[in-house]
C-alpha cells in the first residue's frame, strides 16, 4: 500500500499529538491510576515534541532530523504506548487513551510519505556499508 499522508499534514498533526500526550494525565484523569500511566505518555509526548521541532518536514523550524528515522521511532513509540497499559498492569483502570494515541502514532509512522515501511528505496541509490564500492 502506498503512503498517503503528506509530511506537511503529518508535521502539524505531530505537534497536536505531542501536546496531547504531555497533557494526557490531566485530560483523561489518569493522575490517580499509576505512575506509569502518568509518566509514559508524558515522556513519549516530550520526545515527539523534540522530534517534531527538529524533523525534516515543512512544519519544522529546524530541519535536521531525517523523516525516515522520525517515522520509524513513531512506529516503535506508538506500539510501546499502545501496549503499556498491559505491560505496566494498569489496563483495568484505564487503557483507552494510550491505546488510541499509540495506535494513531503507529498508523502515522507507517502511512506517511517517506516512511521506510511503505516507500521503497530508489534502485540507483547506493546502500553503503560493506557492499559499497565508494572507496575503490
N, C-alpha and C. Protein backbone atom coordinates (compact mmCIF):
# COMPACT_ATOMS: atom_id res chain seq x y z
N UNK A 1 0.84 -1.18 0.00
CA UNK A 1 0.00 0.00 0.00
C UNK A 1 0.88 1.24 0.00
N UNK A 2 0.50 2.22 -0.76
CA UNK A 2 1.28 3.44 -0.86
C UNK A 2 0.98 4.37 0.31
N UNK A 3 2.00 5.11 0.75
CA UNK A 3 1.75 6.11 1.80
C UNK A 3 0.89 7.24 1.25
N UNK A 4 -0.06 7.70 2.03
CA UNK A 4 -1.00 8.71 1.54
C UNK A 4 -1.08 9.95 2.41
N UNK A 5 -0.34 10.02 3.50
CA UNK A 5 -0.36 11.19 4.39
C UNK A 5 0.84 12.06 4.05
N UNK A 6 0.60 13.32 3.73
CA UNK A 6 1.71 14.21 3.38
C UNK A 6 2.53 14.56 4.62
N UNK A 7 3.80 14.87 4.40
CA UNK A 7 4.67 15.19 5.53
C UNK A 7 4.30 16.53 6.16
N UNK A 8 3.73 17.44 5.38
CA UNK A 8 3.28 18.72 5.95
C UNK A 8 2.12 18.55 6.90
N UNK A 9 1.12 17.76 6.49
CA UNK A 9 -0.02 17.46 7.36
C UNK A 9 0.43 16.69 8.58
N UNK A 10 1.33 15.74 8.38
CA UNK A 10 1.86 14.96 9.49
C UNK A 10 2.60 15.85 10.48
N UNK A 11 3.36 16.82 9.98
CA UNK A 11 4.11 17.71 10.86
C UNK A 11 3.21 18.50 11.79
N UNK A 12 2.12 19.03 11.26
CA UNK A 12 1.16 19.77 12.10
C UNK A 12 0.48 18.83 13.09
N UNK A 13 0.08 17.67 12.62
CA UNK A 13 -0.59 16.69 13.47
C UNK A 13 0.35 16.18 14.57
N UNK A 14 1.64 16.14 14.28
CA UNK A 14 2.61 15.66 15.26
C UNK A 14 2.70 16.60 16.46
N UNK A 15 2.61 17.91 16.22
CA UNK A 15 2.61 18.86 17.34
C UNK A 15 1.37 18.66 18.22
N UNK A 16 0.22 18.45 17.59
CA UNK A 16 -1.02 18.24 18.33
C UNK A 16 -0.93 16.96 19.16
N UNK A 17 -0.42 15.89 18.57
CA UNK A 17 -0.28 14.62 19.29
C UNK A 17 0.70 14.77 20.44
N UNK A 18 1.81 15.45 20.21
CA UNK A 18 2.81 15.62 21.27
C UNK A 18 2.24 16.39 22.45
N UNK A 19 1.54 17.48 22.19
CA UNK A 19 0.97 18.26 23.29
C UNK A 19 -0.16 17.50 23.99
N UNK A 20 -0.92 16.72 23.23
CA UNK A 20 -1.96 15.89 23.84
C UNK A 20 -1.35 14.83 24.74
N UNK A 21 -0.26 14.21 24.30
CA UNK A 21 0.40 13.21 25.13
C UNK A 21 0.96 13.81 26.41
N UNK A 22 1.53 15.00 26.31
CA UNK A 22 2.07 15.65 27.50
C UNK A 22 0.96 15.94 28.50
N UNK A 23 -0.22 16.31 28.01
CA UNK A 23 -1.34 16.65 28.88
C UNK A 23 -2.26 15.47 29.19
N UNK A 24 -1.95 14.29 28.69
CA UNK A 24 -2.82 13.11 28.86
C UNK A 24 -3.19 12.81 30.31
N UNK A 25 -2.26 12.85 31.26
CA UNK A 25 -2.66 12.51 32.64
C UNK A 25 -3.77 13.42 33.18
N UNK A 26 -3.80 14.67 32.76
CA UNK A 26 -4.81 15.59 33.26
C UNK A 26 -6.05 15.62 32.37
N UNK A 27 -5.86 15.46 31.06
CA UNK A 27 -7.01 15.45 30.15
C UNK A 27 -7.92 14.25 30.39
N UNK A 28 -7.32 13.10 30.67
CA UNK A 28 -8.09 11.87 30.83
C UNK A 28 -8.13 11.39 32.28
N UNK A 29 -7.77 12.25 33.21
CA UNK A 29 -7.81 11.98 34.65
C UNK A 29 -7.09 10.68 35.01
N UNK A 30 -5.82 10.58 34.60
CA UNK A 30 -5.02 9.40 34.90
C UNK A 30 -4.08 9.61 36.08
N UNK A 31 -4.20 10.73 36.77
CA UNK A 31 -3.27 11.03 37.85
C UNK A 31 -3.43 10.10 39.04
N UNK A 32 -4.59 9.48 39.19
CA UNK A 32 -4.81 8.56 40.30
C UNK A 32 -4.61 7.10 39.93
N UNK A 33 -4.29 6.81 38.66
CA UNK A 33 -4.20 5.43 38.20
C UNK A 33 -2.88 4.79 38.61
N UNK A 34 -1.77 5.27 38.08
CA UNK A 34 -0.44 4.76 38.46
C UNK A 34 0.61 5.72 37.93
N UNK A 35 1.83 5.57 38.41
CA UNK A 35 2.89 6.46 37.93
C UNK A 35 3.23 6.16 36.48
N UNK A 36 3.10 4.91 36.05
CA UNK A 36 3.35 4.58 34.64
C UNK A 36 2.33 5.25 33.73
N UNK A 37 1.08 5.32 34.17
CA UNK A 37 0.03 5.97 33.36
C UNK A 37 0.26 7.47 33.26
N UNK A 38 1.00 8.03 34.21
CA UNK A 38 1.31 9.46 34.17
C UNK A 38 2.55 9.72 33.32
N UNK A 39 3.63 8.99 33.59
CA UNK A 39 4.92 9.35 33.01
C UNK A 39 5.17 8.81 31.61
N UNK A 40 4.66 7.65 31.24
CA UNK A 40 4.93 7.12 29.91
C UNK A 40 4.36 8.03 28.82
N UNK A 41 3.09 8.46 28.88
CA UNK A 41 2.62 9.40 27.84
C UNK A 41 3.37 10.73 27.86
N UNK A 42 3.75 11.18 29.05
CA UNK A 42 4.48 12.45 29.12
C UNK A 42 5.86 12.34 28.48
N UNK A 43 6.58 11.26 28.76
CA UNK A 43 7.91 11.08 28.17
C UNK A 43 7.82 10.96 26.65
N UNK A 44 6.89 10.15 26.18
CA UNK A 44 6.73 9.99 24.74
C UNK A 44 6.27 11.31 24.11
N UNK A 45 5.43 12.05 24.80
CA UNK A 45 5.00 13.35 24.28
C UNK A 45 6.15 14.33 24.15
N UNK A 46 7.03 14.38 25.14
CA UNK A 46 8.18 15.27 25.06
C UNK A 46 9.13 14.83 23.95
N UNK A 47 9.34 13.53 23.80
CA UNK A 47 10.19 13.05 22.71
C UNK A 47 9.57 13.39 21.35
N UNK A 48 8.26 13.25 21.24
CA UNK A 48 7.57 13.61 20.00
C UNK A 48 7.71 15.11 19.70
N UNK A 49 7.60 15.93 20.72
CA UNK A 49 7.71 17.38 20.53
C UNK A 49 9.13 17.76 20.09
N UNK A 50 10.13 17.16 20.70
CA UNK A 50 11.52 17.44 20.30
C UNK A 50 11.76 16.98 18.87
N UNK A 51 11.27 15.78 18.53
CA UNK A 51 11.45 15.30 17.16
C UNK A 51 10.67 16.15 16.16
N UNK A 52 9.50 16.64 16.55
CA UNK A 52 8.70 17.48 15.65
C UNK A 52 9.42 18.80 15.37
N UNK A 53 10.11 19.32 16.35
CA UNK A 53 10.84 20.59 16.15
C UNK A 53 12.03 20.39 15.22
N UNK A 54 12.68 19.24 15.30
CA UNK A 54 13.90 19.00 14.52
C UNK A 54 13.69 18.16 13.26
N UNK A 55 12.49 17.69 12.98
CA UNK A 55 12.24 16.80 11.84
C UNK A 55 12.39 17.53 10.52
N UNK A 56 12.68 16.77 9.49
CA UNK A 56 12.88 17.32 8.15
C UNK A 56 11.56 17.37 7.39
N UNK A 57 10.65 18.28 7.82
CA UNK A 57 9.38 18.48 7.11
C UNK A 57 9.02 19.97 7.12
N UNK A 58 7.94 20.31 6.45
CA UNK A 58 7.58 21.71 6.27
C UNK A 58 7.14 22.40 7.56
N UNK A 59 6.66 21.66 8.54
CA UNK A 59 6.16 22.26 9.78
C UNK A 59 7.24 22.41 10.85
N UNK A 60 8.45 22.08 10.51
CA UNK A 60 9.54 22.11 11.48
C UNK A 60 10.42 23.34 11.31
N UNK A 61 10.73 24.04 12.40
CA UNK A 61 11.60 25.21 12.28
C UNK A 61 13.07 24.85 12.06
N UNK A 62 13.52 23.72 12.61
CA UNK A 62 14.91 23.29 12.48
C UNK A 62 14.90 21.93 11.78
N UNK A 63 15.26 21.88 10.53
CA UNK A 63 15.11 20.65 9.75
C UNK A 63 16.42 19.86 9.71
N UNK A 64 16.70 19.14 10.77
CA UNK A 64 17.95 18.38 10.86
C UNK A 64 17.73 16.87 11.01
N UNK A 65 16.62 16.45 11.57
CA UNK A 65 16.37 15.04 11.88
C UNK A 65 15.68 14.38 10.68
N UNK A 66 16.22 13.28 10.14
CA UNK A 66 15.61 12.65 8.96
C UNK A 66 14.19 12.15 9.23
N UNK A 67 13.30 12.37 8.29
CA UNK A 67 11.91 11.93 8.44
C UNK A 67 11.81 10.41 8.54
N UNK A 68 12.67 9.69 7.83
CA UNK A 68 12.62 8.23 7.89
C UNK A 68 12.85 7.73 9.31
N UNK A 69 13.82 8.33 10.00
CA UNK A 69 14.11 7.94 11.38
C UNK A 69 12.97 8.35 12.30
N UNK A 70 12.42 9.53 12.07
CA UNK A 70 11.31 10.02 12.89
C UNK A 70 10.10 9.09 12.77
N UNK A 71 9.80 8.67 11.56
CA UNK A 71 8.65 7.79 11.36
C UNK A 71 8.90 6.39 11.91
N UNK A 72 10.14 5.92 11.85
CA UNK A 72 10.48 4.63 12.45
C UNK A 72 10.29 4.69 13.96
N UNK A 73 10.76 5.76 14.58
CA UNK A 73 10.59 5.92 16.03
C UNK A 73 9.11 6.10 16.40
N UNK A 74 8.32 6.70 15.52
CA UNK A 74 6.88 6.80 15.76
C UNK A 74 6.23 5.43 15.85
N UNK A 75 6.62 4.53 14.96
CA UNK A 75 6.06 3.18 14.98
C UNK A 75 6.45 2.47 16.28
N UNK A 76 7.70 2.58 16.68
CA UNK A 76 8.17 1.93 17.92
C UNK A 76 7.48 2.55 19.14
N UNK A 77 7.45 3.89 19.21
CA UNK A 77 6.82 4.55 20.35
C UNK A 77 5.31 4.32 20.38
N UNK A 78 4.69 4.31 19.22
CA UNK A 78 3.25 4.06 19.15
C UNK A 78 2.90 2.67 19.64
N UNK A 79 3.69 1.69 19.23
CA UNK A 79 3.46 0.32 19.70
C UNK A 79 3.66 0.23 21.21
N UNK A 80 4.75 0.82 21.70
CA UNK A 80 5.02 0.76 23.14
C UNK A 80 3.92 1.46 23.94
N UNK A 81 3.46 2.60 23.45
CA UNK A 81 2.40 3.33 24.14
C UNK A 81 1.10 2.54 24.13
N UNK A 82 0.81 1.88 23.02
CA UNK A 82 -0.44 1.12 22.91
C UNK A 82 -0.46 -0.10 23.84
N UNK A 83 0.68 -0.73 24.05
CA UNK A 83 0.71 -1.93 24.91
C UNK A 83 1.10 -1.61 26.35
N UNK A 84 1.46 -0.38 26.65
CA UNK A 84 1.92 -0.02 28.00
C UNK A 84 0.88 -0.28 29.11
N UNK A 85 -0.43 -0.12 28.88
CA UNK A 85 -1.36 -0.44 29.98
C UNK A 85 -1.29 -1.90 30.41
N UNK A 86 -0.97 -2.79 29.48
CA UNK A 86 -0.89 -4.20 29.84
C UNK A 86 0.52 -4.56 30.34
N UNK A 87 1.54 -3.87 29.85
CA UNK A 87 2.89 -4.11 30.35
C UNK A 87 3.04 -3.67 31.79
N UNK A 88 2.43 -2.56 32.13
CA UNK A 88 2.56 -2.00 33.47
C UNK A 88 1.31 -2.20 34.32
N UNK A 89 0.46 -3.09 33.91
CA UNK A 89 -0.72 -3.57 34.64
C UNK A 89 -1.64 -2.48 35.20
N UNK A 90 -1.94 -1.49 34.39
CA UNK A 90 -2.97 -0.55 34.79
C UNK A 90 -4.13 -0.56 33.80
N UNK A 91 -4.22 -1.63 33.00
CA UNK A 91 -5.27 -1.71 31.99
C UNK A 91 -6.66 -1.85 32.59
N UNK A 92 -6.76 -2.36 33.81
CA UNK A 92 -8.08 -2.49 34.43
C UNK A 92 -8.66 -1.14 34.83
N UNK A 93 -7.81 -0.12 34.97
CA UNK A 93 -8.28 1.20 35.38
C UNK A 93 -8.43 2.15 34.18
N UNK A 94 -7.50 2.11 33.26
CA UNK A 94 -7.57 2.99 32.09
C UNK A 94 -6.63 2.47 31.01
N UNK A 95 -7.14 2.32 29.81
CA UNK A 95 -6.26 1.94 28.71
C UNK A 95 -6.60 2.62 27.39
N UNK A 96 -7.78 3.21 27.27
CA UNK A 96 -8.20 3.80 26.00
C UNK A 96 -7.31 4.94 25.51
N UNK A 97 -6.90 5.90 26.34
CA UNK A 97 -6.06 6.99 25.80
C UNK A 97 -4.74 6.48 25.21
N UNK A 98 -4.06 5.60 25.94
CA UNK A 98 -2.79 5.07 25.45
C UNK A 98 -2.98 4.22 24.21
N UNK A 99 -4.02 3.41 24.19
CA UNK A 99 -4.27 2.54 23.05
C UNK A 99 -4.60 3.36 21.80
N UNK A 100 -5.45 4.36 21.91
CA UNK A 100 -5.85 5.15 20.74
C UNK A 100 -4.72 6.04 20.23
N UNK A 101 -4.05 6.74 21.12
CA UNK A 101 -2.97 7.63 20.68
C UNK A 101 -1.77 6.82 20.20
N UNK A 102 -1.48 5.72 20.87
CA UNK A 102 -0.40 4.84 20.41
C UNK A 102 -0.70 4.24 19.05
N UNK A 103 -1.95 3.82 18.85
CA UNK A 103 -2.35 3.30 17.54
C UNK A 103 -2.26 4.36 16.45
N UNK A 104 -2.62 5.60 16.80
CA UNK A 104 -2.52 6.69 15.84
C UNK A 104 -1.06 6.96 15.46
N UNK A 105 -0.15 6.97 16.43
CA UNK A 105 1.27 7.15 16.13
C UNK A 105 1.79 6.02 15.24
N UNK A 106 1.39 4.79 15.57
CA UNK A 106 1.80 3.62 14.79
C UNK A 106 1.31 3.76 13.34
N UNK A 107 0.04 4.12 13.17
CA UNK A 107 -0.57 4.29 11.85
C UNK A 107 0.13 5.39 11.06
N UNK A 108 0.36 6.54 11.70
CA UNK A 108 1.01 7.66 11.02
C UNK A 108 2.45 7.33 10.62
N UNK A 109 3.15 6.59 11.49
CA UNK A 109 4.52 6.21 11.18
C UNK A 109 4.63 5.31 9.96
N UNK A 110 3.60 4.52 9.70
CA UNK A 110 3.63 3.62 8.56
C UNK A 110 3.14 4.29 7.28
N UNK A 111 2.07 5.09 7.36
CA UNK A 111 1.41 5.58 6.15
C UNK A 111 1.72 7.03 5.79
N UNK A 112 2.75 7.62 6.37
CA UNK A 112 3.18 8.96 5.97
C UNK A 112 4.22 8.82 4.86
N UNK A 113 4.19 9.74 3.91
CA UNK A 113 5.18 9.71 2.82
C UNK A 113 6.58 9.80 3.41
N UNK A 114 7.53 9.16 2.79
CA UNK A 114 8.92 9.00 3.23
C UNK A 114 9.06 7.93 4.31
N UNK A 115 8.00 7.19 4.61
CA UNK A 115 8.09 6.13 5.61
C UNK A 115 8.93 4.98 5.06
N UNK A 116 9.87 4.48 5.84
CA UNK A 116 10.68 3.36 5.36
C UNK A 116 9.88 2.05 5.28
N UNK A 117 8.68 2.02 5.84
CA UNK A 117 7.87 0.80 5.82
C UNK A 117 7.06 0.65 4.54
N UNK A 118 6.72 1.75 3.89
CA UNK A 118 5.90 1.68 2.68
C UNK A 118 6.55 2.30 1.46
N UNK A 119 7.69 2.95 1.61
CA UNK A 119 8.38 3.58 0.50
C UNK A 119 9.61 2.76 0.17
N UNK A 120 9.71 2.33 -1.07
CA UNK A 120 10.88 1.55 -1.50
C UNK A 120 12.01 2.50 -1.87
N UNK A 121 13.22 2.06 -1.58
CA UNK A 121 14.37 2.86 -1.95
C UNK A 121 14.53 2.86 -3.46
N UNK A 122 15.04 3.96 -3.99
CA UNK A 122 15.28 4.04 -5.42
C UNK A 122 16.44 3.11 -5.77
N UNK A 123 16.34 2.34 -6.86
CA UNK A 123 17.39 1.37 -7.16
C UNK A 123 18.75 1.99 -7.47
N UNK A 124 18.80 3.25 -7.86
CA UNK A 124 20.09 3.87 -8.18
C UNK A 124 20.82 4.37 -6.94
N UNK A 125 20.15 4.36 -5.78
CA UNK A 125 20.82 4.83 -4.57
C UNK A 125 21.71 3.75 -4.01
N UNK A 126 22.90 4.13 -3.61
CA UNK A 126 23.82 3.17 -3.01
C UNK A 126 23.40 2.88 -1.58
N UNK A 127 23.51 1.66 -1.18
CA UNK A 127 23.15 1.26 0.19
C UNK A 127 24.28 1.54 1.16
N UNK A 128 25.51 1.65 0.68
CA UNK A 128 26.64 1.89 1.57
C UNK A 128 27.01 0.63 2.32
N UNK A 129 27.84 0.76 3.33
CA UNK A 129 28.21 -0.39 4.15
C UNK A 129 29.26 -1.25 3.49
N UNK A 130 29.23 -2.55 3.76
CA UNK A 130 30.25 -3.47 3.28
C UNK A 130 30.19 -3.70 1.77
N UNK A 131 29.05 -3.52 1.16
CA UNK A 131 28.92 -3.77 -0.27
C UNK A 131 29.20 -2.52 -1.11
N UNK A 132 29.53 -1.42 -0.48
CA UNK A 132 29.75 -0.18 -1.19
C UNK A 132 31.08 -0.21 -1.93
N UNK A 133 31.10 0.39 -3.12
CA UNK A 133 32.34 0.50 -3.89
C UNK A 133 32.86 1.93 -3.89
N UNK A 134 32.43 2.72 -2.90
CA UNK A 134 32.83 4.13 -2.86
C UNK A 134 34.33 4.29 -2.63
N UNK A 135 34.96 3.38 -1.91
CA UNK A 135 36.37 3.54 -1.59
C UNK A 135 37.28 3.05 -2.69
N UNK A 136 36.74 2.42 -3.73
CA UNK A 136 37.58 1.88 -4.81
C UNK A 136 37.90 2.96 -5.81
